[in-house]
Amino acid sequence: MTAQPTTRPLTVEALTPDAFAPFGTVIPPMDDGVEFGAHDAQLDLGQGTPRFYTMRIPGRGLTVSAITRHRRVTQALAATGGHPWTIAVAPPDSPDDPGAEPDIDAIRAFEVPGDTAIMLAIGTWHAGPLFAGPDRSFFNLELADTNIVDHQTSSILERYGITLELVSDES
């Protein structure tokens, strides 16, 4: 008989540039014509052909049992319909080590406003976009072969025997 996994709550935080900095860049809306600067995402797409597409994904709820990273590329994500969504992230520790695993205690979750994009730094562990309800579409910028040659997944369920339940801080 297999033991039931333990569910651990993980509070979803508000997305701010400072809070998200260990994982990447927040890309808020800005006026047209603003010059490129330090506030912009510093994309790294030089390891192959960039791919920008609209991906449709099903509502997966707010439970995390696995987390993924890309060790060669930044990734930018944004909702298409203006709906907020959630992402769980862990720091990009040991990006050159294909056997590295995320620190379960370093995983954080953020609610991304529907008019805001994020860029994940190279090697940032992530689960999401996450949301409840029907399918939604998201803009995704990565490399053409990212999900084939640069997709390392860690099963939190298998490694730690837990799932993370993302919960709102509104108590």
N, C-alpha and C. Protein backbone atom coordinates (compact mmCIF):
# COMPACT_ATOMS: atom_id res chain seq x y z
N MET A 1 0.83 -1.17 0.00
CA MET A 1 0.00 0.00 0.00
C MET A 1 0.89 1.25 0.00
N THR A 2 0.59 2.18 -0.90
CA THR A 2 1.36 3.41 -1.02
C THR A 2 0.77 4.48 -0.11
N ALA A 3 1.65 5.18 0.57
CA ALA A 3 1.20 6.26 1.46
C ALA A 3 0.62 7.40 0.64
N GLN A 4 -0.40 8.04 1.17
CA GLN A 4 -0.99 9.19 0.52
C GLN A 4 -0.02 10.37 0.63
N PRO A 5 0.08 11.16 -0.44
CA PRO A 5 0.96 12.32 -0.35
C PRO A 5 0.42 13.34 0.66
N THR A 6 1.33 14.08 1.23
CA THR A 6 0.97 15.16 2.13
C THR A 6 0.75 16.41 1.30
N THR A 7 -0.28 17.17 1.62
CA THR A 7 -0.51 18.44 0.95
C THR A 7 0.01 19.55 1.83
N ARG A 8 0.87 20.36 1.27
CA ARG A 8 1.46 21.48 2.00
C ARG A 8 0.92 22.78 1.40
N PRO A 9 0.34 23.66 2.22
CA PRO A 9 -0.12 24.94 1.68
C PRO A 9 1.05 25.85 1.34
N LEU A 10 0.90 26.61 0.26
CA LEU A 10 1.89 27.60 -0.14
C LEU A 10 1.13 28.87 -0.48
N THR A 11 1.37 29.91 0.28
CA THR A 11 0.63 31.16 0.11
C THR A 11 1.06 31.87 -1.17
N VAL A 12 0.08 32.28 -1.95
CA VAL A 12 0.32 33.03 -3.18
C VAL A 12 0.58 34.49 -2.81
N GLU A 13 1.68 35.01 -3.30
CA GLU A 13 2.09 36.38 -3.00
C GLU A 13 1.70 37.32 -4.14
N ALA A 14 1.62 38.61 -3.81
CA ALA A 14 1.45 39.62 -4.84
C ALA A 14 2.74 39.71 -5.64
N LEU A 15 2.63 39.92 -6.92
CA LEU A 15 3.79 40.01 -7.79
C LEU A 15 4.36 41.43 -7.74
N THR A 16 5.61 41.53 -7.28
CA THR A 16 6.32 42.80 -7.31
C THR A 16 7.69 42.54 -7.94
N PRO A 17 8.28 43.56 -8.56
CA PRO A 17 9.60 43.35 -9.15
C PRO A 17 10.64 42.86 -8.14
N ASP A 18 10.62 43.41 -6.93
CA ASP A 18 11.61 42.99 -5.92
C ASP A 18 11.39 41.55 -5.47
N ALA A 19 10.14 41.19 -5.21
CA ALA A 19 9.86 39.82 -4.75
C ALA A 19 10.17 38.80 -5.84
N PHE A 20 9.96 39.16 -7.10
CA PHE A 20 10.16 38.22 -8.20
C PHE A 20 11.60 38.22 -8.74
N ALA A 21 12.42 39.17 -8.32
CA ALA A 21 13.77 39.33 -8.86
C ALA A 21 14.64 38.06 -8.83
N PRO A 22 14.57 37.21 -7.79
CA PRO A 22 15.40 36.00 -7.81
C PRO A 22 15.02 35.01 -8.92
N PHE A 23 13.86 35.22 -9.53
CA PHE A 23 13.33 34.27 -10.51
C PHE A 23 13.27 34.84 -11.92
N GLY A 24 13.32 36.15 -12.04
CA GLY A 24 13.19 36.77 -13.35
C GLY A 24 12.75 38.21 -13.24
N THR A 25 12.00 38.65 -14.23
CA THR A 25 11.61 40.05 -14.35
C THR A 25 10.11 40.18 -14.51
N VAL A 26 9.53 41.15 -13.82
CA VAL A 26 8.14 41.51 -14.02
C VAL A 26 8.09 42.52 -15.17
N ILE A 27 7.17 42.30 -16.10
CA ILE A 27 7.04 43.17 -17.27
C ILE A 27 5.65 43.81 -17.22
N PRO A 28 5.53 44.94 -16.51
CA PRO A 28 4.22 45.58 -16.40
C PRO A 28 3.89 46.36 -17.67
N PRO A 29 2.63 46.75 -17.82
CA PRO A 29 2.30 47.60 -18.97
C PRO A 29 3.02 48.93 -18.86
N MET A 30 3.40 49.48 -20.00
CA MET A 30 4.04 50.80 -20.01
C MET A 30 3.62 51.53 -21.27
N ASP A 31 3.77 52.81 -21.24
CA ASP A 31 3.41 53.63 -22.38
C ASP A 31 4.28 53.30 -23.58
N ASP A 32 3.71 53.40 -24.75
CA ASP A 32 4.45 53.22 -25.99
C ASP A 32 5.53 54.30 -26.08
N GLY A 33 6.66 53.93 -26.60
CA GLY A 33 7.74 54.90 -26.79
C GLY A 33 8.73 54.98 -25.66
N VAL A 34 8.48 54.28 -24.55
CA VAL A 34 9.44 54.27 -23.45
C VAL A 34 10.70 53.55 -23.94
N GLU A 35 11.84 54.18 -23.75
CA GLU A 35 13.09 53.59 -24.23
C GLU A 35 13.48 52.36 -23.42
N PHE A 36 14.19 51.47 -24.08
CA PHE A 36 14.70 50.25 -23.45
C PHE A 36 15.63 50.62 -22.31
N GLY A 37 15.51 49.88 -21.19
CA GLY A 37 16.38 50.16 -20.05
C GLY A 37 16.41 49.02 -19.07
N ALA A 38 16.93 49.30 -17.89
CA ALA A 38 17.09 48.28 -16.85
C ALA A 38 15.76 47.70 -16.40
N HIS A 39 14.66 48.43 -16.59
CA HIS A 39 13.33 47.96 -16.19
C HIS A 39 12.80 46.88 -17.13
N ASP A 40 13.42 46.72 -18.27
CA ASP A 40 12.96 45.74 -19.26
C ASP A 40 13.55 44.36 -19.01
N ALA A 41 12.86 43.35 -19.52
CA ALA A 41 13.36 41.97 -19.44
C ALA A 41 14.61 41.84 -20.28
N GLN A 42 15.64 41.24 -19.71
CA GLN A 42 16.89 41.01 -20.42
C GLN A 42 16.84 39.59 -21.00
N LEU A 43 16.22 39.46 -22.15
CA LEU A 43 15.99 38.15 -22.77
C LEU A 43 17.28 37.51 -23.25
N ASP A 44 17.36 36.21 -23.13
CA ASP A 44 18.48 35.44 -23.67
C ASP A 44 17.88 34.34 -24.53
N LEU A 45 17.88 34.59 -25.83
CA LEU A 45 17.32 33.64 -26.80
C LEU A 45 18.38 33.25 -27.84
N GLY A 46 19.65 33.40 -27.50
CA GLY A 46 20.74 33.20 -28.44
C GLY A 46 21.16 31.76 -28.67
N GLN A 47 20.55 30.81 -28.01
CA GLN A 47 20.95 29.40 -28.17
C GLN A 47 20.14 28.67 -29.24
N GLY A 48 19.35 29.41 -30.01
CA GLY A 48 18.55 28.76 -31.04
C GLY A 48 17.57 29.75 -31.65
N THR A 49 16.56 29.21 -32.32
CA THR A 49 15.56 30.03 -32.98
C THR A 49 14.46 30.40 -32.00
N PRO A 50 14.23 31.71 -31.78
CA PRO A 50 13.14 32.11 -30.89
C PRO A 50 11.79 31.65 -31.42
N ARG A 51 10.90 31.31 -30.50
CA ARG A 51 9.54 30.92 -30.86
C ARG A 51 8.58 31.72 -29.98
N PHE A 52 7.73 32.52 -30.63
CA PHE A 52 6.70 33.26 -29.94
C PHE A 52 5.37 32.69 -30.41
N TYR A 53 4.57 32.21 -29.48
CA TYR A 53 3.30 31.62 -29.87
C TYR A 53 2.26 31.80 -28.77
N THR A 54 1.03 31.55 -29.14
CA THR A 54 -0.07 31.57 -28.18
C THR A 54 -0.38 30.13 -27.84
N MET A 55 -0.21 29.78 -26.58
CA MET A 55 -0.48 28.41 -26.15
C MET A 55 -1.80 28.38 -25.39
N ARG A 56 -2.60 27.39 -25.69
CA ARG A 56 -3.86 27.18 -24.98
C ARG A 56 -3.64 26.04 -24.01
N ILE A 57 -3.96 26.28 -22.76
CA ILE A 57 -3.79 25.23 -21.76
C ILE A 57 -5.06 25.09 -20.93
N PRO A 58 -5.30 23.90 -20.43
CA PRO A 58 -6.48 23.69 -19.59
C PRO A 58 -6.26 24.24 -18.18
N GLY A 59 -7.35 24.56 -17.52
CA GLY A 59 -7.26 24.94 -16.11
C GLY A 59 -6.81 23.73 -15.31
N ARG A 60 -5.69 23.84 -14.64
CA ARG A 60 -5.11 22.71 -13.89
C ARG A 60 -5.31 22.85 -12.39
N GLY A 61 -6.04 23.90 -11.99
CA GLY A 61 -6.20 24.13 -10.57
C GLY A 61 -4.94 24.74 -9.99
N LEU A 62 -4.84 24.72 -8.68
CA LEU A 62 -3.74 25.37 -7.99
C LEU A 62 -2.94 24.40 -7.12
N THR A 63 -2.73 23.19 -7.64
CA THR A 63 -1.94 22.18 -6.96
C THR A 63 -0.69 21.90 -7.80
N VAL A 64 0.45 21.83 -7.14
CA VAL A 64 1.71 21.59 -7.83
C VAL A 64 2.30 20.27 -7.34
N SER A 65 2.51 19.35 -8.28
CA SER A 65 3.15 18.08 -7.94
C SER A 65 4.47 17.89 -8.69
N ALA A 66 4.76 18.79 -9.64
CA ALA A 66 6.02 18.75 -10.39
C ALA A 66 6.39 20.17 -10.78
N ILE A 67 7.67 20.38 -11.01
CA ILE A 67 8.16 21.71 -11.37
C ILE A 67 9.26 21.53 -12.42
N THR A 68 9.33 22.46 -13.36
CA THR A 68 10.19 22.32 -14.54
C THR A 68 11.13 23.51 -14.66
N ARG A 69 12.23 23.30 -15.37
CA ARG A 69 13.10 24.44 -15.71
C ARG A 69 13.71 24.25 -17.08
N HIS A 70 14.16 25.38 -17.63
CA HIS A 70 14.87 25.40 -18.91
C HIS A 70 16.25 25.98 -18.63
N ARG A 71 17.29 25.22 -18.95
CA ARG A 71 18.65 25.59 -18.58
C ARG A 71 19.39 26.40 -19.64
N ARG A 72 18.75 26.62 -20.82
CA ARG A 72 19.44 27.32 -21.90
C ARG A 72 18.80 28.64 -22.31
N VAL A 73 17.63 28.97 -21.75
CA VAL A 73 16.88 30.08 -22.32
C VAL A 73 16.03 30.78 -21.26
N THR A 74 15.83 32.07 -21.45
CA THR A 74 14.80 32.76 -20.68
C THR A 74 13.46 32.40 -21.30
N GLN A 75 12.39 32.61 -20.57
CA GLN A 75 11.05 32.35 -21.08
C GLN A 75 10.16 33.49 -20.63
N ALA A 76 9.36 34.01 -21.55
CA ALA A 76 8.42 35.09 -21.21
C ALA A 76 7.01 34.57 -21.37
N LEU A 77 6.15 34.90 -20.39
CA LEU A 77 4.76 34.43 -20.37
C LEU A 77 3.82 35.59 -20.05
N ALA A 78 2.64 35.59 -20.71
CA ALA A 78 1.61 36.60 -20.43
C ALA A 78 0.26 36.03 -20.82
N ALA A 79 -0.77 36.39 -20.08
CA ALA A 79 -2.14 35.98 -20.39
C ALA A 79 -2.64 36.78 -21.59
N THR A 80 -3.48 36.16 -22.41
CA THR A 80 -4.04 36.88 -23.56
C THR A 80 -5.36 37.56 -23.23
N GLY A 81 -6.10 37.08 -22.27
CA GLY A 81 -7.45 37.57 -22.04
C GLY A 81 -7.61 38.51 -20.86
N GLY A 82 -6.53 38.93 -20.27
CA GLY A 82 -6.62 39.86 -19.15
C GLY A 82 -6.95 39.22 -17.82
N HIS A 83 -6.95 37.91 -17.75
CA HIS A 83 -7.25 37.21 -16.49
C HIS A 83 -5.98 37.04 -15.66
N PRO A 84 -6.06 37.21 -14.35
CA PRO A 84 -4.90 36.91 -13.51
C PRO A 84 -4.64 35.41 -13.51
N TRP A 85 -3.41 35.03 -13.22
CA TRP A 85 -3.02 33.64 -13.16
C TRP A 85 -1.91 33.49 -12.13
N THR A 86 -1.57 32.26 -11.83
CA THR A 86 -0.60 31.99 -10.77
C THR A 86 0.55 31.16 -11.32
N ILE A 87 1.72 31.40 -10.77
CA ILE A 87 2.90 30.61 -11.12
C ILE A 87 3.67 30.31 -9.84
N ALA A 88 4.17 29.08 -9.72
CA ALA A 88 5.07 28.69 -8.63
C ALA A 88 6.47 28.65 -9.20
N VAL A 89 7.44 29.17 -8.46
CA VAL A 89 8.81 29.26 -8.94
C VAL A 89 9.80 28.91 -7.83
N ALA A 90 10.96 28.44 -8.25
CA ALA A 90 12.08 28.20 -7.34
C ALA A 90 13.33 28.76 -7.99
N PRO A 91 14.31 29.18 -7.19
CA PRO A 91 15.51 29.82 -7.73
C PRO A 91 16.26 28.93 -8.72
N PRO A 92 16.95 29.57 -9.65
CA PRO A 92 17.72 28.83 -10.66
C PRO A 92 19.07 28.36 -10.14
N ASP A 93 19.07 27.67 -9.00
CA ASP A 93 20.32 27.17 -8.43
C ASP A 93 20.92 26.10 -9.33
N SER A 94 22.23 26.06 -9.42
CA SER A 94 22.98 25.05 -10.19
C SER A 94 22.44 24.87 -11.60
N PRO A 95 22.35 25.96 -12.39
CA PRO A 95 21.78 25.83 -13.73
C PRO A 95 22.59 24.94 -14.67
N ASP A 96 23.88 24.75 -14.38
CA ASP A 96 24.71 23.90 -15.23
C ASP A 96 24.66 22.43 -14.86
N ASP A 97 23.96 22.10 -13.78
CA ASP A 97 23.89 20.72 -13.29
C ASP A 97 22.56 20.10 -13.72
N PRO A 98 22.60 19.18 -14.71
CA PRO A 98 21.35 18.57 -15.18
C PRO A 98 20.71 17.64 -14.15
N GLY A 99 21.42 17.33 -13.07
CA GLY A 99 20.86 16.48 -12.03
C GLY A 99 20.37 17.26 -10.82
N ALA A 100 20.48 18.57 -10.88
CA ALA A 100 20.06 19.39 -9.74
C ALA A 100 18.56 19.30 -9.52
N GLU A 101 18.15 19.49 -8.30
CA GLU A 101 16.74 19.48 -7.92
C GLU A 101 16.42 20.79 -7.20
N PRO A 102 15.17 21.24 -7.29
CA PRO A 102 14.82 22.48 -6.59
C PRO A 102 14.75 22.25 -5.08
N ASP A 103 15.00 23.32 -4.34
CA ASP A 103 14.85 23.29 -2.89
C ASP A 103 13.36 23.48 -2.60
N ILE A 104 12.71 22.49 -2.05
CA ILE A 104 11.27 22.53 -1.81
C ILE A 104 10.89 23.72 -0.93
N ASP A 105 11.77 24.10 -0.02
CA ASP A 105 11.47 25.20 0.89
C ASP A 105 11.70 26.57 0.26
N ALA A 106 12.28 26.59 -0.93
CA ALA A 106 12.52 27.87 -1.62
C ALA A 106 11.45 28.18 -2.66
N ILE A 107 10.49 27.27 -2.85
CA ILE A 107 9.43 27.50 -3.83
C ILE A 107 8.49 28.58 -3.32
N ARG A 108 8.19 29.52 -4.20
CA ARG A 108 7.24 30.59 -3.90
C ARG A 108 6.20 30.65 -5.01
N ALA A 109 5.07 31.24 -4.71
CA ALA A 109 4.00 31.36 -5.70
C ALA A 109 3.59 32.82 -5.81
N PHE A 110 3.26 33.24 -7.03
CA PHE A 110 2.87 34.62 -7.30
C PHE A 110 1.62 34.66 -8.15
N GLU A 111 0.76 35.65 -7.87
CA GLU A 111 -0.36 35.93 -8.76
C GLU A 111 0.08 36.99 -9.75
N VAL A 112 -0.05 36.65 -11.04
CA VAL A 112 0.35 37.56 -12.11
C VAL A 112 -0.91 38.27 -12.61
N PRO A 113 -0.95 39.61 -12.54
CA PRO A 113 -2.11 40.32 -13.07
C PRO A 113 -2.29 40.05 -14.56
N GLY A 114 -3.51 40.13 -15.03
CA GLY A 114 -3.81 39.81 -16.42
C GLY A 114 -3.20 40.73 -17.44
N ASP A 115 -2.74 41.92 -17.02
CA ASP A 115 -2.13 42.85 -17.96
C ASP A 115 -0.61 42.91 -17.80
N THR A 116 -0.03 41.91 -17.15
CA THR A 116 1.39 41.90 -16.86
C THR A 116 2.02 40.61 -17.37
N ALA A 117 3.23 40.73 -17.90
CA ALA A 117 4.00 39.56 -18.34
C ALA A 117 5.13 39.32 -17.35
N ILE A 118 5.70 38.14 -17.42
CA ILE A 118 6.91 37.84 -16.63
C ILE A 118 7.94 37.21 -17.54
N MET A 119 9.20 37.40 -17.20
CA MET A 119 10.28 36.68 -17.85
C MET A 119 10.95 35.83 -16.78
N LEU A 120 11.06 34.54 -17.05
CA LEU A 120 11.76 33.62 -16.15
C LEU A 120 13.23 33.61 -16.51
N ALA A 121 14.09 33.81 -15.52
CA ALA A 121 15.53 33.74 -15.75
C ALA A 121 15.93 32.33 -16.16
N ILE A 122 17.05 32.23 -16.84
CA ILE A 122 17.55 30.91 -17.23
C ILE A 122 17.66 30.03 -16.00
N GLY A 123 17.11 28.83 -16.06
CA GLY A 123 17.21 27.86 -14.99
C GLY A 123 16.18 27.99 -13.89
N THR A 124 15.29 28.99 -13.96
CA THR A 124 14.27 29.14 -12.92
C THR A 124 13.27 27.98 -13.01
N TRP A 125 13.07 27.31 -11.90
CA TRP A 125 12.07 26.25 -11.81
C TRP A 125 10.69 26.90 -11.83
N HIS A 126 9.74 26.30 -12.53
CA HIS A 126 8.40 26.90 -12.59
C HIS A 126 7.33 25.85 -12.82
N ALA A 127 6.17 26.13 -12.24
CA ALA A 127 4.95 25.34 -12.48
C ALA A 127 3.87 26.37 -12.79
N GLY A 128 3.36 26.30 -13.97
CA GLY A 128 2.32 27.25 -14.38
C GLY A 128 2.57 27.70 -15.80
N PRO A 129 1.63 28.46 -16.28
CA PRO A 129 0.53 29.16 -15.66
C PRO A 129 -0.50 28.21 -15.02
N LEU A 130 -0.93 28.60 -13.82
CA LEU A 130 -1.93 27.83 -13.09
C LEU A 130 -3.16 28.69 -12.85
N PHE A 131 -4.33 28.07 -12.96
CA PHE A 131 -5.59 28.75 -12.75
C PHE A 131 -6.68 27.70 -12.71
N ALA A 132 -7.82 28.05 -12.15
CA ALA A 132 -8.98 27.16 -12.13
C ALA A 132 -9.90 27.56 -13.29
N GLY A 133 -10.72 26.63 -13.71
CA GLY A 133 -11.70 26.95 -14.75
C GLY A 133 -11.32 26.41 -16.11
N PRO A 134 -12.00 26.92 -17.13
CA PRO A 134 -11.80 26.40 -18.48
C PRO A 134 -10.46 26.83 -19.08
N ASP A 135 -10.20 26.31 -20.28
CA ASP A 135 -8.97 26.64 -21.01
C ASP A 135 -8.75 28.15 -21.08
N ARG A 136 -7.48 28.53 -21.09
CA ARG A 136 -7.09 29.92 -21.32
C ARG A 136 -5.90 29.92 -22.28
N SER A 137 -5.65 31.06 -22.86
CA SER A 137 -4.51 31.21 -23.77
C SER A 137 -3.48 32.15 -23.18
N PHE A 138 -2.22 31.84 -23.48
CA PHE A 138 -1.09 32.61 -22.98
C PHE A 138 -0.09 32.82 -24.09
N PHE A 139 0.54 33.99 -24.11
CA PHE A 139 1.68 34.23 -24.98
C PHE A 139 2.89 33.59 -24.34
N ASN A 140 3.72 32.95 -25.17
CA ASN A 140 4.91 32.25 -24.68
C ASN A 140 6.06 32.56 -25.63
N LEU A 141 7.18 33.01 -25.08
CA LEU A 141 8.38 33.27 -25.86
C LEU A 141 9.51 32.44 -25.27
N GLU A 142 10.01 31.51 -26.07
CA GLU A 142 11.11 30.63 -25.68
C GLU A 142 11.83 30.26 -26.97
N LEU A 143 12.54 29.16 -27.00
CA LEU A 143 13.17 28.70 -28.24
C LEU A 143 12.29 27.66 -28.92
N ALA A 144 12.48 27.50 -30.21
CA ALA A 144 11.66 26.57 -31.00
C ALA A 144 11.73 25.14 -30.46
N ASP A 145 12.87 24.76 -29.88
CA ASP A 145 13.04 23.38 -29.42
C ASP A 145 13.11 23.26 -27.89
N THR A 146 12.71 24.31 -27.17
CA THR A 146 12.84 24.30 -25.71
C THR A 146 12.20 23.07 -25.08
N ASN A 147 10.99 22.76 -25.47
CA ASN A 147 10.29 21.64 -24.82
C ASN A 147 10.79 20.27 -25.27
N ILE A 148 11.70 20.25 -26.23
CA ILE A 148 12.27 18.99 -26.70
C ILE A 148 13.65 18.74 -26.08
N VAL A 149 14.52 19.76 -26.09
CA VAL A 149 15.91 19.56 -25.67
C VAL A 149 16.29 20.29 -24.39
N ASP A 150 15.38 21.08 -23.83
CA ASP A 150 15.73 21.88 -22.66
C ASP A 150 14.57 21.91 -21.67
N HIS A 151 14.18 20.73 -21.24
CA HIS A 151 13.00 20.60 -20.39
C HIS A 151 13.30 19.62 -19.27
N GLN A 152 13.72 20.13 -18.11
CA GLN A 152 14.06 19.29 -16.96
C GLN A 152 12.94 19.40 -15.93
N THR A 153 12.33 18.28 -15.60
CA THR A 153 11.23 18.27 -14.66
C THR A 153 11.60 17.51 -13.40
N SER A 154 11.20 18.05 -12.26
CA SER A 154 11.39 17.39 -10.97
C SER A 154 10.01 17.08 -10.41
N SER A 155 9.78 15.85 -10.05
CA SER A 155 8.51 15.47 -9.42
C SER A 155 8.59 15.72 -7.93
N ILE A 156 7.90 16.75 -7.48
CA ILE A 156 7.84 17.05 -6.06
C ILE A 156 7.15 15.90 -5.32
N LEU A 157 6.14 15.35 -5.96
CA LEU A 157 5.40 14.25 -5.36
C LEU A 157 6.31 13.04 -5.12
N GLU A 158 7.09 12.65 -6.14
CA GLU A 158 7.97 11.48 -5.98
C GLU A 158 9.15 11.77 -5.07
N ARG A 159 9.75 12.94 -5.22
CA ARG A 159 10.97 13.27 -4.46
C ARG A 159 10.69 13.54 -2.98
N TYR A 160 9.62 14.30 -2.70
CA TYR A 160 9.35 14.72 -1.32
C TYR A 160 8.09 14.11 -0.72
N GLY A 161 7.27 13.45 -1.55
CA GLY A 161 6.04 12.85 -1.07
C GLY A 161 4.96 13.88 -0.74
N ILE A 162 5.07 15.06 -1.37
CA ILE A 162 4.09 16.11 -1.10
C ILE A 162 3.57 16.73 -2.39
N THR A 163 2.45 17.39 -2.27
CA THR A 163 1.98 18.31 -3.31
C THR A 163 1.82 19.66 -2.63
N LEU A 164 1.99 20.70 -3.39
CA LEU A 164 1.81 22.06 -2.89
C LEU A 164 0.44 22.56 -3.30
N GLU A 165 -0.32 23.04 -2.34
CA GLU A 165 -1.64 23.61 -2.61
C GLU A 165 -1.49 25.13 -2.49
N LEU A 166 -1.63 25.82 -3.61
CA LEU A 166 -1.45 27.27 -3.62
C LEU A 166 -2.71 27.92 -3.05
N VAL A 167 -2.52 28.71 -2.02
CA VAL A 167 -3.65 29.31 -1.33
C VAL A 167 -3.52 30.82 -1.29
N SER A 168 -4.65 31.48 -1.33
CA SER A 168 -4.69 32.93 -1.28
C SER A 168 -4.38 33.41 0.13
N ASP A 169 -3.79 34.58 0.22
CA ASP A 169 -3.44 35.16 1.50
C ASP A 169 -4.64 35.88 2.14
N GLU A 170 -5.76 35.88 1.44
CA GLU A 170 -6.98 36.57 1.93
C GLU A 170 -7.68 35.72 2.98
N SER A 171 -7.26 35.83 4.20
CA SER A 171 -7.85 35.02 5.29
C SER A 171 -8.72 35.86 6.18
